[in-house]
N, C-alpha and C. Protein backbone atom coordinates (compact mmCIF):
# COMPACT_ATOMS: atom_id res chain seq x y z
N ASP A 1 82.84 41.88 -12.19
CA ASP A 1 81.94 41.60 -13.32
C ASP A 1 81.76 40.11 -13.52
N ASN A 2 82.85 39.34 -13.40
CA ASN A 2 82.74 37.88 -13.54
C ASN A 2 81.87 37.29 -12.46
N LEU A 3 81.97 37.88 -11.24
CA LEU A 3 81.16 37.37 -10.12
C LEU A 3 79.68 37.66 -10.36
N LYS A 4 79.37 38.87 -10.88
CA LYS A 4 77.99 39.23 -11.19
C LYS A 4 77.41 38.31 -12.25
N ALA A 5 78.26 38.03 -13.27
CA ALA A 5 77.82 37.15 -14.34
C ALA A 5 77.53 35.76 -13.82
N HIS A 6 78.40 35.29 -12.87
CA HIS A 6 78.23 33.96 -12.27
C HIS A 6 76.90 33.86 -11.53
N PHE A 7 76.59 34.90 -10.73
CA PHE A 7 75.33 34.88 -9.97
C PHE A 7 74.12 35.07 -10.88
N SER A 8 74.33 35.83 -11.97
CA SER A 8 73.25 36.04 -12.94
C SER A 8 72.90 34.74 -13.61
N LYS A 9 73.92 33.94 -13.98
CA LYS A 9 73.69 32.65 -14.63
C LYS A 9 73.04 31.67 -13.65
N GLY A 10 73.42 31.80 -12.41
CA GLY A 10 72.90 30.85 -11.41
C GLY A 10 71.58 31.25 -10.81
N SER A 11 71.02 32.35 -11.23
CA SER A 11 69.76 32.82 -10.64
C SER A 11 68.64 31.84 -10.88
N GLY A 12 68.70 31.20 -12.05
CA GLY A 12 67.67 30.21 -12.35
C GLY A 12 67.73 29.06 -11.37
N THR A 13 68.93 28.63 -11.01
CA THR A 13 69.11 27.53 -10.06
C THR A 13 68.60 27.93 -8.70
N LEU A 14 68.93 29.17 -8.28
CA LEU A 14 68.46 29.63 -6.98
C LEU A 14 66.94 29.68 -6.93
N ASN A 15 66.31 30.13 -8.02
CA ASN A 15 64.85 30.21 -8.04
C ASN A 15 64.22 28.84 -7.95
N LYS A 16 64.89 27.87 -8.60
CA LYS A 16 64.37 26.51 -8.56
C LYS A 16 64.47 25.95 -7.16
N ARG A 17 65.59 26.25 -6.46
CA ARG A 17 65.79 25.75 -5.11
C ARG A 17 64.75 26.31 -4.14
N LYS A 18 64.30 27.53 -4.41
CA LYS A 18 63.31 28.15 -3.54
C LYS A 18 61.98 27.38 -3.55
N THR A 19 61.75 26.67 -4.66
CA THR A 19 60.50 25.92 -4.76
C THR A 19 60.67 24.47 -4.38
N SER A 20 61.84 24.13 -3.79
CA SER A 20 62.10 22.75 -3.38
C SER A 20 62.07 22.66 -1.88
N ASN A 21 61.68 21.46 -1.34
CA ASN A 21 61.71 21.25 0.11
C ASN A 21 63.01 20.61 0.48
N THR A 22 63.20 20.25 1.73
CA THR A 22 64.48 19.74 2.22
C THR A 22 64.82 18.41 1.61
N SER A 23 63.83 17.65 1.19
CA SER A 23 64.11 16.33 0.60
C SER A 23 64.41 16.43 -0.87
N GLY A 24 64.24 17.62 -1.43
CA GLY A 24 64.58 17.82 -2.82
C GLY A 24 63.40 17.66 -3.75
N SER A 25 62.23 17.32 -3.24
CA SER A 25 61.05 17.14 -4.09
C SER A 25 60.38 18.47 -4.32
N SER A 26 59.71 18.62 -5.47
CA SER A 26 59.07 19.89 -5.83
C SER A 26 57.74 20.04 -5.12
N THR A 27 57.43 21.24 -4.66
CA THR A 27 56.14 21.57 -4.06
C THR A 27 55.18 22.02 -5.15
N VAL A 28 53.84 21.56 -5.06
CA VAL A 28 52.89 21.91 -6.10
C VAL A 28 52.58 23.39 -6.03
N ASN A 29 52.70 24.02 -7.13
CA ASN A 29 52.39 25.45 -7.22
C ASN A 29 50.92 25.60 -7.60
N PRO A 30 50.11 26.20 -6.69
CA PRO A 30 48.68 26.33 -6.97
C PRO A 30 48.38 27.07 -8.25
N ASP A 31 49.33 27.89 -8.70
CA ASP A 31 49.09 28.68 -9.91
C ASP A 31 49.41 27.89 -11.17
N SER A 32 50.05 26.71 -11.02
CA SER A 32 50.45 25.94 -12.20
C SER A 32 49.23 25.34 -12.87
N THR A 33 49.33 24.92 -14.13
CA THR A 33 48.22 24.33 -14.88
C THR A 33 47.78 23.03 -14.27
N GLU A 34 48.73 22.15 -13.85
CA GLU A 34 48.40 20.86 -13.26
C GLU A 34 47.63 21.05 -11.96
N ALA A 35 48.08 21.98 -11.11
CA ALA A 35 47.40 22.24 -9.85
C ALA A 35 45.99 22.75 -10.09
N SER A 36 45.86 23.63 -11.07
CA SER A 36 44.55 24.17 -11.39
C SER A 36 43.58 23.09 -11.82
N GLN A 37 44.10 22.15 -12.66
CA GLN A 37 43.26 21.04 -13.12
C GLN A 37 42.87 20.13 -11.97
N ALA A 38 43.81 19.90 -11.05
CA ALA A 38 43.54 19.03 -9.90
C ALA A 38 42.45 19.63 -9.02
N TRP A 39 42.59 20.92 -8.71
CA TRP A 39 41.58 21.59 -7.88
C TRP A 39 40.23 21.60 -8.57
N HIS A 40 40.26 21.73 -9.89
CA HIS A 40 39.02 21.74 -10.66
C HIS A 40 38.32 20.39 -10.56
N LYS A 41 39.11 19.31 -10.64
CA LYS A 41 38.54 17.95 -10.52
C LYS A 41 37.93 17.74 -9.14
N ILE A 42 38.65 18.18 -8.11
CA ILE A 42 38.14 18.04 -6.74
C ILE A 42 36.82 18.80 -6.60
N SER A 43 36.78 20.01 -7.16
CA SER A 43 35.58 20.84 -7.10
C SER A 43 34.40 20.14 -7.77
N ILE A 44 34.66 19.52 -8.93
CA ILE A 44 33.61 18.81 -9.68
C ILE A 44 33.08 17.64 -8.87
N VAL A 45 33.99 16.86 -8.27
CA VAL A 45 33.60 15.69 -7.46
C VAL A 45 32.74 16.12 -6.29
N GLU A 46 33.19 17.17 -5.57
CA GLU A 46 32.44 17.64 -4.41
C GLU A 46 31.06 18.16 -4.82
N THR A 47 31.02 18.89 -5.93
CA THR A 47 29.74 19.40 -6.42
C THR A 47 28.82 18.27 -6.82
N SER A 48 29.41 17.24 -7.49
CA SER A 48 28.63 16.08 -7.91
C SER A 48 28.05 15.36 -6.71
N GLU A 49 28.87 15.20 -5.65
CA GLU A 49 28.40 14.54 -4.43
C GLU A 49 27.28 15.34 -3.78
N ASP A 50 27.42 16.69 -3.77
CA ASP A 50 26.38 17.55 -3.21
C ASP A 50 25.08 17.41 -3.97
N ILE A 51 25.17 17.40 -5.31
CA ILE A 51 23.98 17.27 -6.16
C ILE A 51 23.32 15.92 -5.93
N SER A 52 24.17 14.86 -5.89
CA SER A 52 23.64 13.50 -5.67
C SER A 52 22.93 13.40 -4.34
N SER A 53 23.53 13.98 -3.29
CA SER A 53 22.93 13.94 -1.96
C SER A 53 21.62 14.70 -1.93
N THR A 54 21.61 15.87 -2.56
CA THR A 54 20.39 16.69 -2.61
C THR A 54 19.29 15.99 -3.38
N THR A 55 19.68 15.37 -4.53
CA THR A 55 18.70 14.66 -5.36
C THR A 55 18.10 13.50 -4.59
N THR A 56 18.95 12.74 -3.87
CA THR A 56 18.47 11.61 -3.06
C THR A 56 17.50 12.08 -2.00
N SER A 57 17.85 13.19 -1.33
CA SER A 57 16.97 13.73 -0.30
C SER A 57 15.63 14.16 -0.88
N MET A 58 15.68 14.79 -2.05
CA MET A 58 14.44 15.24 -2.70
C MET A 58 13.58 14.07 -3.11
N ARG A 59 14.24 12.99 -3.59
CA ARG A 59 13.49 11.79 -3.96
C ARG A 59 12.81 11.18 -2.75
N ARG A 60 13.53 11.15 -1.62
CA ARG A 60 12.95 10.61 -0.38
C ARG A 60 11.75 11.43 0.05
N ILE A 61 11.86 12.73 -0.05
CA ILE A 61 10.74 13.62 0.31
C ILE A 61 9.55 13.35 -0.60
N ASP A 62 9.82 13.20 -1.92
CA ASP A 62 8.75 12.94 -2.87
C ASP A 62 8.04 11.63 -2.55
N ILE A 63 8.84 10.59 -2.20
CA ILE A 63 8.26 9.28 -1.88
C ILE A 63 7.38 9.36 -0.65
N VAL A 64 7.86 10.06 0.39
CA VAL A 64 7.09 10.21 1.62
C VAL A 64 5.79 10.95 1.35
N GLU A 65 5.89 12.06 0.58
CA GLU A 65 4.70 12.86 0.28
C GLU A 65 3.71 12.05 -0.55
N GLU A 66 4.23 11.26 -1.51
CA GLU A 66 3.37 10.43 -2.35
C GLU A 66 2.68 9.37 -1.51
N SER A 67 3.42 8.75 -0.58
CA SER A 67 2.86 7.73 0.30
C SER A 67 1.76 8.30 1.18
N GLU A 68 2.02 9.49 1.74
CA GLU A 68 1.01 10.14 2.58
C GLU A 68 -0.23 10.50 1.76
N SER A 69 -0.02 10.95 0.53
CA SER A 69 -1.14 11.30 -0.35
C SER A 69 -1.98 10.07 -0.67
N GLU A 70 -1.30 8.94 -0.94
CA GLU A 70 -2.01 7.69 -1.23
C GLU A 70 -2.82 7.23 -0.03
N ASP A 71 -2.24 7.36 1.17
CA ASP A 71 -2.95 6.97 2.39
C ASP A 71 -4.21 7.82 2.58
N GLU A 72 -4.06 9.12 2.33
CA GLU A 72 -5.21 10.02 2.47
C GLU A 72 -6.29 9.68 1.46
N ASP A 73 -5.88 9.38 0.22
CA ASP A 73 -6.85 9.02 -0.82
C ASP A 73 -7.57 7.72 -0.46
N GLU A 74 -6.81 6.76 0.07
CA GLU A 74 -7.41 5.48 0.46
C GLU A 74 -8.42 5.66 1.59
N LYS A 75 -8.06 6.47 2.56
CA LYS A 75 -8.99 6.75 3.67
C LYS A 75 -10.25 7.44 3.17
N GLN A 76 -10.08 8.36 2.21
CA GLN A 76 -11.23 9.06 1.64
C GLN A 76 -12.15 8.08 0.93
N ILE A 77 -11.56 7.16 0.17
CA ILE A 77 -12.35 6.15 -0.56
C ILE A 77 -13.11 5.26 0.41
N GLU A 78 -12.41 4.79 1.44
CA GLU A 78 -13.05 3.92 2.43
C GLU A 78 -14.17 4.66 3.15
N GLY A 79 -13.93 5.93 3.48
CA GLY A 79 -14.94 6.73 4.16
C GLY A 79 -16.19 6.92 3.32
N ASP A 80 -16.01 7.25 2.05
CA ASP A 80 -17.15 7.46 1.15
C ASP A 80 -17.93 6.16 0.96
N SER A 81 -17.20 5.05 0.83
CA SER A 81 -17.85 3.75 0.66
C SER A 81 -18.66 3.37 1.90
N ASP A 82 -18.10 3.64 3.07
CA ASP A 82 -18.80 3.31 4.32
C ASP A 82 -20.07 4.15 4.50
N LYS A 83 -20.03 5.40 4.06
CA LYS A 83 -21.22 6.25 4.16
C LYS A 83 -22.37 5.69 3.32
N LEU A 84 -22.03 5.23 2.12
CA LEU A 84 -23.05 4.64 1.25
C LEU A 84 -23.55 3.32 1.84
N LYS A 85 -22.66 2.58 2.46
CA LYS A 85 -23.07 1.32 3.11
C LYS A 85 -24.06 1.61 4.23
N GLU A 86 -23.81 2.67 5.01
CA GLU A 86 -24.72 3.03 6.09
C GLU A 86 -26.09 3.43 5.56
N GLU A 87 -26.10 4.08 4.40
CA GLU A 87 -27.38 4.42 3.77
C GLU A 87 -28.12 3.14 3.40
N GLY A 88 -27.38 2.15 2.93
CA GLY A 88 -27.98 0.86 2.61
C GLY A 88 -28.54 0.18 3.85
N ASN A 89 -27.81 0.27 4.95
CA ASN A 89 -28.27 -0.31 6.22
C ASN A 89 -29.59 0.33 6.67
N ALA A 90 -29.65 1.65 6.51
CA ALA A 90 -30.87 2.36 6.90
C ALA A 90 -32.06 1.91 6.04
N ALA A 91 -31.80 1.71 4.75
CA ALA A 91 -32.86 1.24 3.86
C ALA A 91 -33.30 -0.18 4.24
N MET A 92 -32.35 -1.02 4.64
CA MET A 92 -32.68 -2.38 5.06
C MET A 92 -33.60 -2.38 6.28
N LYS A 93 -33.36 -1.48 7.22
CA LYS A 93 -34.19 -1.39 8.43
C LYS A 93 -35.64 -1.04 8.10
N HIS A 94 -35.80 -0.30 7.02
CA HIS A 94 -37.16 0.09 6.59
C HIS A 94 -37.70 -0.87 5.52
N GLN A 95 -36.99 -2.00 5.37
CA GLN A 95 -37.39 -3.05 4.42
C GLN A 95 -37.45 -2.53 2.98
N GLN A 96 -36.63 -1.54 2.69
CA GLN A 96 -36.52 -1.01 1.33
C GLN A 96 -35.33 -1.71 0.65
N TYR A 97 -35.54 -2.95 0.27
CA TYR A 97 -34.43 -3.80 -0.16
C TYR A 97 -33.83 -3.37 -1.50
N GLU A 98 -34.67 -2.92 -2.40
CA GLU A 98 -34.14 -2.46 -3.69
C GLU A 98 -33.26 -1.23 -3.49
N MET A 99 -33.71 -0.33 -2.64
CA MET A 99 -32.91 0.87 -2.34
C MET A 99 -31.61 0.48 -1.65
N ALA A 100 -31.71 -0.48 -0.75
CA ALA A 100 -30.51 -0.95 -0.05
C ALA A 100 -29.50 -1.53 -1.04
N LEU A 101 -29.99 -2.31 -2.00
CA LEU A 101 -29.11 -2.89 -3.02
C LEU A 101 -28.37 -1.81 -3.80
N LYS A 102 -29.07 -0.74 -4.11
CA LYS A 102 -28.45 0.35 -4.87
C LYS A 102 -27.32 1.01 -4.07
N PHE A 103 -27.59 1.25 -2.78
CA PHE A 103 -26.56 1.89 -1.94
C PHE A 103 -25.36 0.96 -1.76
N TYR A 104 -25.61 -0.32 -1.51
CA TYR A 104 -24.50 -1.26 -1.35
C TYR A 104 -23.69 -1.38 -2.63
N SER A 105 -24.37 -1.37 -3.75
CA SER A 105 -23.68 -1.47 -5.04
C SER A 105 -22.81 -0.24 -5.29
N LEU A 106 -23.32 0.94 -4.93
CA LEU A 106 -22.53 2.17 -5.07
C LEU A 106 -21.31 2.13 -4.16
N ALA A 107 -21.51 1.64 -2.95
CA ALA A 107 -20.39 1.52 -2.00
C ALA A 107 -19.31 0.61 -2.55
N LEU A 108 -19.73 -0.46 -3.22
CA LEU A 108 -18.77 -1.43 -3.76
C LEU A 108 -18.11 -0.93 -5.04
N GLU A 109 -18.77 -0.03 -5.75
CA GLU A 109 -18.13 0.58 -6.92
C GLU A 109 -16.93 1.42 -6.48
N ILE A 110 -17.09 2.09 -5.36
CA ILE A 110 -16.00 2.92 -4.84
C ILE A 110 -14.91 2.06 -4.20
N ASN A 111 -15.33 1.07 -3.43
CA ASN A 111 -14.37 0.20 -2.75
C ASN A 111 -14.84 -1.26 -2.84
N PRO A 112 -14.38 -2.00 -3.84
CA PRO A 112 -14.80 -3.39 -4.04
C PRO A 112 -14.45 -4.31 -2.87
N ASN A 113 -13.53 -3.88 -2.01
CA ASN A 113 -13.12 -4.70 -0.87
C ASN A 113 -13.86 -4.36 0.42
N ASN A 114 -14.95 -3.63 0.31
CA ASN A 114 -15.75 -3.30 1.48
C ASN A 114 -16.52 -4.56 1.90
N ILE A 115 -15.96 -5.29 2.86
CA ILE A 115 -16.53 -6.58 3.27
C ILE A 115 -17.94 -6.43 3.81
N ALA A 116 -18.16 -5.42 4.62
CA ALA A 116 -19.48 -5.21 5.21
C ALA A 116 -20.54 -4.96 4.14
N ALA A 117 -20.18 -4.18 3.12
CA ALA A 117 -21.13 -3.91 2.04
C ALA A 117 -21.43 -5.18 1.25
N LEU A 118 -20.41 -5.99 1.00
CA LEU A 118 -20.62 -7.26 0.31
C LEU A 118 -21.54 -8.18 1.12
N ASN A 119 -21.24 -8.28 2.40
CA ASN A 119 -22.03 -9.13 3.28
C ASN A 119 -23.48 -8.68 3.35
N ASN A 120 -23.68 -7.38 3.50
CA ASN A 120 -25.04 -6.85 3.63
C ASN A 120 -25.81 -6.92 2.31
N ARG A 121 -25.09 -6.77 1.20
CA ARG A 121 -25.78 -6.90 -0.09
C ARG A 121 -26.21 -8.35 -0.31
N SER A 122 -25.37 -9.27 0.18
CA SER A 122 -25.73 -10.68 0.11
C SER A 122 -27.05 -10.93 0.85
N MET A 123 -27.19 -10.28 2.01
CA MET A 123 -28.42 -10.41 2.80
C MET A 123 -29.61 -9.76 2.08
N ALA A 124 -29.35 -8.62 1.45
CA ALA A 124 -30.42 -7.95 0.70
C ALA A 124 -30.90 -8.81 -0.45
N TYR A 125 -29.98 -9.49 -1.11
CA TYR A 125 -30.36 -10.40 -2.20
C TYR A 125 -31.21 -11.56 -1.68
N ILE A 126 -30.91 -12.03 -0.48
CA ILE A 126 -31.73 -13.09 0.12
C ILE A 126 -33.15 -12.57 0.33
N LYS A 127 -33.27 -11.35 0.83
CA LYS A 127 -34.59 -10.75 1.05
C LYS A 127 -35.35 -10.60 -0.27
N MET A 128 -34.59 -10.39 -1.35
CA MET A 128 -35.20 -10.25 -2.67
C MET A 128 -35.36 -11.60 -3.37
N LYS A 129 -34.95 -12.68 -2.67
CA LYS A 129 -35.01 -14.05 -3.20
C LYS A 129 -34.15 -14.24 -4.45
N GLN A 130 -33.07 -13.48 -4.48
CA GLN A 130 -32.11 -13.62 -5.58
C GLN A 130 -30.92 -14.44 -5.06
N TRP A 131 -31.13 -15.74 -5.01
CA TRP A 131 -30.20 -16.64 -4.33
C TRP A 131 -28.81 -16.66 -4.98
N ARG A 132 -28.80 -16.73 -6.28
CA ARG A 132 -27.51 -16.82 -6.99
C ARG A 132 -26.64 -15.59 -6.71
N GLU A 133 -27.25 -14.42 -6.74
CA GLU A 133 -26.51 -13.19 -6.47
C GLU A 133 -26.02 -13.15 -5.02
N SER A 134 -26.86 -13.65 -4.11
CA SER A 134 -26.47 -13.69 -2.70
C SER A 134 -25.26 -14.60 -2.50
N ILE A 135 -25.30 -15.75 -3.14
CA ILE A 135 -24.17 -16.70 -3.04
C ILE A 135 -22.90 -16.07 -3.61
N ALA A 136 -23.04 -15.36 -4.72
CA ALA A 136 -21.87 -14.74 -5.36
C ALA A 136 -21.23 -13.70 -4.45
N ASP A 137 -22.06 -12.86 -3.80
CA ASP A 137 -21.52 -11.82 -2.91
C ASP A 137 -20.85 -12.45 -1.68
N ALA A 138 -21.50 -13.46 -1.11
CA ALA A 138 -20.92 -14.13 0.06
C ALA A 138 -19.59 -14.79 -0.29
N THR A 139 -19.52 -15.37 -1.48
CA THR A 139 -18.28 -16.01 -1.92
C THR A 139 -17.18 -14.97 -2.13
N SER A 140 -17.53 -13.82 -2.71
CA SER A 140 -16.55 -12.73 -2.89
C SER A 140 -16.03 -12.25 -1.54
N CYS A 141 -16.92 -12.16 -0.58
CA CYS A 141 -16.55 -11.74 0.77
C CYS A 141 -15.57 -12.74 1.39
N LEU A 142 -15.82 -14.03 1.18
CA LEU A 142 -14.96 -15.08 1.75
C LEU A 142 -13.59 -15.13 1.07
N LYS A 143 -13.50 -14.67 -0.15
CA LYS A 143 -12.20 -14.60 -0.82
C LYS A 143 -11.31 -13.56 -0.15
N ILE A 144 -11.93 -12.52 0.37
CA ILE A 144 -11.19 -11.48 1.09
C ILE A 144 -10.93 -11.90 2.53
N ASP A 145 -11.95 -12.48 3.15
CA ASP A 145 -11.86 -12.91 4.55
C ASP A 145 -12.45 -14.32 4.70
N PRO A 146 -11.61 -15.35 4.56
CA PRO A 146 -12.09 -16.74 4.58
C PRO A 146 -12.74 -17.15 5.90
N HIS A 147 -12.49 -16.40 6.98
CA HIS A 147 -13.05 -16.74 8.29
C HIS A 147 -14.31 -15.94 8.63
N ASN A 148 -14.88 -15.30 7.64
CA ASN A 148 -16.05 -14.45 7.90
C ASN A 148 -17.27 -15.35 8.10
N THR A 149 -17.70 -15.48 9.35
CA THR A 149 -18.79 -16.40 9.68
C THR A 149 -20.15 -15.91 9.16
N LYS A 150 -20.32 -14.58 9.08
CA LYS A 150 -21.58 -14.06 8.53
C LYS A 150 -21.73 -14.45 7.06
N ALA A 151 -20.64 -14.34 6.31
CA ALA A 151 -20.68 -14.69 4.89
C ALA A 151 -20.95 -16.18 4.72
N LEU A 152 -20.35 -17.01 5.56
CA LEU A 152 -20.59 -18.45 5.50
C LEU A 152 -22.05 -18.78 5.81
N TYR A 153 -22.59 -18.09 6.81
CA TYR A 153 -23.99 -18.32 7.17
C TYR A 153 -24.92 -17.90 6.02
N ARG A 154 -24.68 -16.75 5.45
CA ARG A 154 -25.56 -16.25 4.39
C ARG A 154 -25.43 -17.08 3.12
N ARG A 155 -24.22 -17.50 2.83
CA ARG A 155 -24.08 -18.36 1.65
C ARG A 155 -24.77 -19.71 1.86
N GLY A 156 -24.61 -20.26 3.05
CA GLY A 156 -25.28 -21.52 3.35
C GLY A 156 -26.78 -21.38 3.30
N ASN A 157 -27.28 -20.28 3.83
CA ASN A 157 -28.73 -20.03 3.81
C ASN A 157 -29.24 -19.89 2.39
N ALA A 158 -28.51 -19.16 1.55
CA ALA A 158 -28.91 -18.98 0.15
C ALA A 158 -28.86 -20.31 -0.60
N LYS A 159 -27.89 -21.14 -0.28
CA LYS A 159 -27.80 -22.46 -0.93
C LYS A 159 -29.00 -23.33 -0.56
N MET A 160 -29.41 -23.25 0.69
CA MET A 160 -30.59 -24.01 1.12
C MET A 160 -31.82 -23.57 0.35
N MET A 161 -32.00 -22.27 0.23
CA MET A 161 -33.18 -21.71 -0.44
C MET A 161 -33.14 -21.96 -1.94
N ALA A 162 -31.94 -22.05 -2.50
CA ALA A 162 -31.80 -22.23 -3.94
C ALA A 162 -31.76 -23.70 -4.33
N ASP A 163 -31.92 -24.57 -3.35
CA ASP A 163 -31.85 -26.02 -3.60
C ASP A 163 -30.52 -26.41 -4.26
N ARG A 164 -29.46 -25.75 -3.81
CA ARG A 164 -28.14 -26.07 -4.34
C ARG A 164 -27.61 -27.38 -3.75
N GLY A 165 -28.25 -27.86 -2.74
CA GLY A 165 -27.78 -29.06 -2.07
C GLY A 165 -27.62 -28.81 -0.59
N ILE A 166 -28.29 -29.63 0.20
CA ILE A 166 -28.23 -29.49 1.65
C ILE A 166 -26.80 -29.72 2.15
N GLU A 167 -26.07 -30.60 1.50
CA GLU A 167 -24.70 -30.90 1.95
C GLU A 167 -23.79 -29.68 1.83
N GLU A 168 -23.94 -28.94 0.74
CA GLU A 168 -23.13 -27.73 0.56
C GLU A 168 -23.46 -26.69 1.63
N ALA A 169 -24.73 -26.54 1.88
CA ALA A 169 -25.17 -25.58 2.91
C ALA A 169 -24.67 -26.02 4.28
N LEU A 170 -24.79 -27.32 4.58
CA LEU A 170 -24.33 -27.84 5.86
C LEU A 170 -22.83 -27.62 6.04
N ASP A 171 -22.07 -27.78 4.97
CA ASP A 171 -20.62 -27.54 5.04
C ASP A 171 -20.32 -26.10 5.46
N ASP A 172 -21.05 -25.15 4.87
CA ASP A 172 -20.83 -23.73 5.21
C ASP A 172 -21.15 -23.48 6.68
N PHE A 173 -22.25 -24.03 7.16
CA PHE A 173 -22.65 -23.81 8.56
C PHE A 173 -21.63 -24.43 9.53
N GLN A 174 -21.17 -25.61 9.20
CA GLN A 174 -20.23 -26.30 10.09
C GLN A 174 -18.85 -25.63 10.08
N ILE A 175 -18.44 -25.14 8.91
CA ILE A 175 -17.17 -24.40 8.83
C ILE A 175 -17.26 -23.13 9.68
N ALA A 176 -18.40 -22.46 9.59
CA ALA A 176 -18.59 -21.23 10.38
C ALA A 176 -18.51 -21.54 11.87
N LEU A 177 -19.10 -22.64 12.29
CA LEU A 177 -19.04 -23.03 13.70
C LEU A 177 -17.62 -23.35 14.15
N SER A 178 -16.81 -23.89 13.23
CA SER A 178 -15.43 -24.24 13.58
C SER A 178 -14.57 -23.02 13.85
N PHE A 179 -15.02 -21.85 13.40
CA PHE A 179 -14.27 -20.60 13.62
C PHE A 179 -14.67 -19.91 14.93
N ASP A 180 -15.46 -20.60 15.74
CA ASP A 180 -15.85 -20.09 17.06
C ASP A 180 -16.48 -18.70 16.94
N PRO A 181 -17.66 -18.62 16.32
CA PRO A 181 -18.32 -17.31 16.12
C PRO A 181 -18.88 -16.77 17.43
N PRO A 182 -19.34 -15.51 17.42
CA PRO A 182 -19.99 -14.93 18.61
C PRO A 182 -21.21 -15.75 19.01
N LYS A 183 -21.63 -15.60 20.26
CA LYS A 183 -22.73 -16.42 20.80
C LYS A 183 -24.02 -16.27 20.01
N ASP A 184 -24.33 -15.04 19.56
CA ASP A 184 -25.57 -14.84 18.82
C ASP A 184 -25.55 -15.59 17.49
N GLN A 185 -24.39 -15.64 16.84
CA GLN A 185 -24.27 -16.38 15.58
C GLN A 185 -24.24 -17.89 15.85
N TRP A 186 -23.65 -18.27 16.96
CA TRP A 186 -23.51 -19.68 17.30
C TRP A 186 -24.88 -20.36 17.36
N ALA A 187 -25.82 -19.73 18.04
CA ALA A 187 -27.15 -20.31 18.20
C ALA A 187 -27.86 -20.45 16.85
N VAL A 188 -27.73 -19.43 15.99
CA VAL A 188 -28.37 -19.45 14.68
C VAL A 188 -27.76 -20.54 13.81
N LEU A 189 -26.44 -20.67 13.85
CA LEU A 189 -25.75 -21.68 13.05
C LEU A 189 -26.11 -23.10 13.49
N LEU A 190 -26.20 -23.29 14.80
CA LEU A 190 -26.59 -24.61 15.32
C LEU A 190 -28.00 -24.98 14.84
N LYS A 191 -28.87 -23.99 14.82
CA LYS A 191 -30.24 -24.23 14.36
C LYS A 191 -30.23 -24.63 12.89
N LYS A 192 -29.39 -23.96 12.08
CA LYS A 192 -29.30 -24.27 10.65
C LYS A 192 -28.72 -25.67 10.43
N VAL A 193 -27.74 -26.03 11.22
CA VAL A 193 -27.16 -27.37 11.12
C VAL A 193 -28.23 -28.42 11.43
N ASP A 194 -29.01 -28.15 12.45
CA ASP A 194 -30.08 -29.07 12.84
C ASP A 194 -31.12 -29.20 11.72
N GLU A 195 -31.44 -28.07 11.08
CA GLU A 195 -32.40 -28.09 9.96
C GLU A 195 -31.87 -28.93 8.80
N CYS A 196 -30.60 -28.75 8.47
CA CYS A 196 -30.00 -29.50 7.38
C CYS A 196 -29.99 -31.01 7.66
N GLN A 197 -29.69 -31.36 8.87
CA GLN A 197 -29.60 -32.78 9.23
C GLN A 197 -30.97 -33.46 9.25
N LYS A 198 -32.02 -32.70 9.44
CA LYS A 198 -33.36 -33.27 9.46
C LYS A 198 -33.95 -33.45 8.07
N ILE A 199 -33.40 -32.77 7.09
CA ILE A 199 -33.92 -32.84 5.73
C ILE A 199 -33.45 -34.13 5.04
């Protein structure tokens, strides 16, 4: 009976030893409250990382889709503007300058940076003897493309016709020549330079 009592009292010690390793340190019991809290924290961190990764991926997809949509919209705008510009060109060929002005203006309402429409409207204004408007369009064109020899030629021509000063017109023609324009423009510009120098 004394021996049974001894082992009964020591049962708690034996149970404790069962949960100890050889070095005497306690092993974490997954069923304990501390272990449960630890696993819960790990689960939260992993879930948070998964959500963050998914959110980042979704944001990247949204950015790509938005970028592609913007590119498509821009192409659509440029295409519509160019179609109206072509209508203006057709009107110019038939010497319908007022109609051409309307088409070029519509093209520029859609796309203000349509250089060809600006340049051609400048020419239409010259045909209509609206020198100031022609100079304004050519200048706007040159703000977008400072090396545009057609715009320099048309602005110089409009300045000559508007009596803005032969020197200003000559400057435009000479600057255009310095940009090494195509041969067809080269001959016209040289002729204009010669005209300015004779005046």
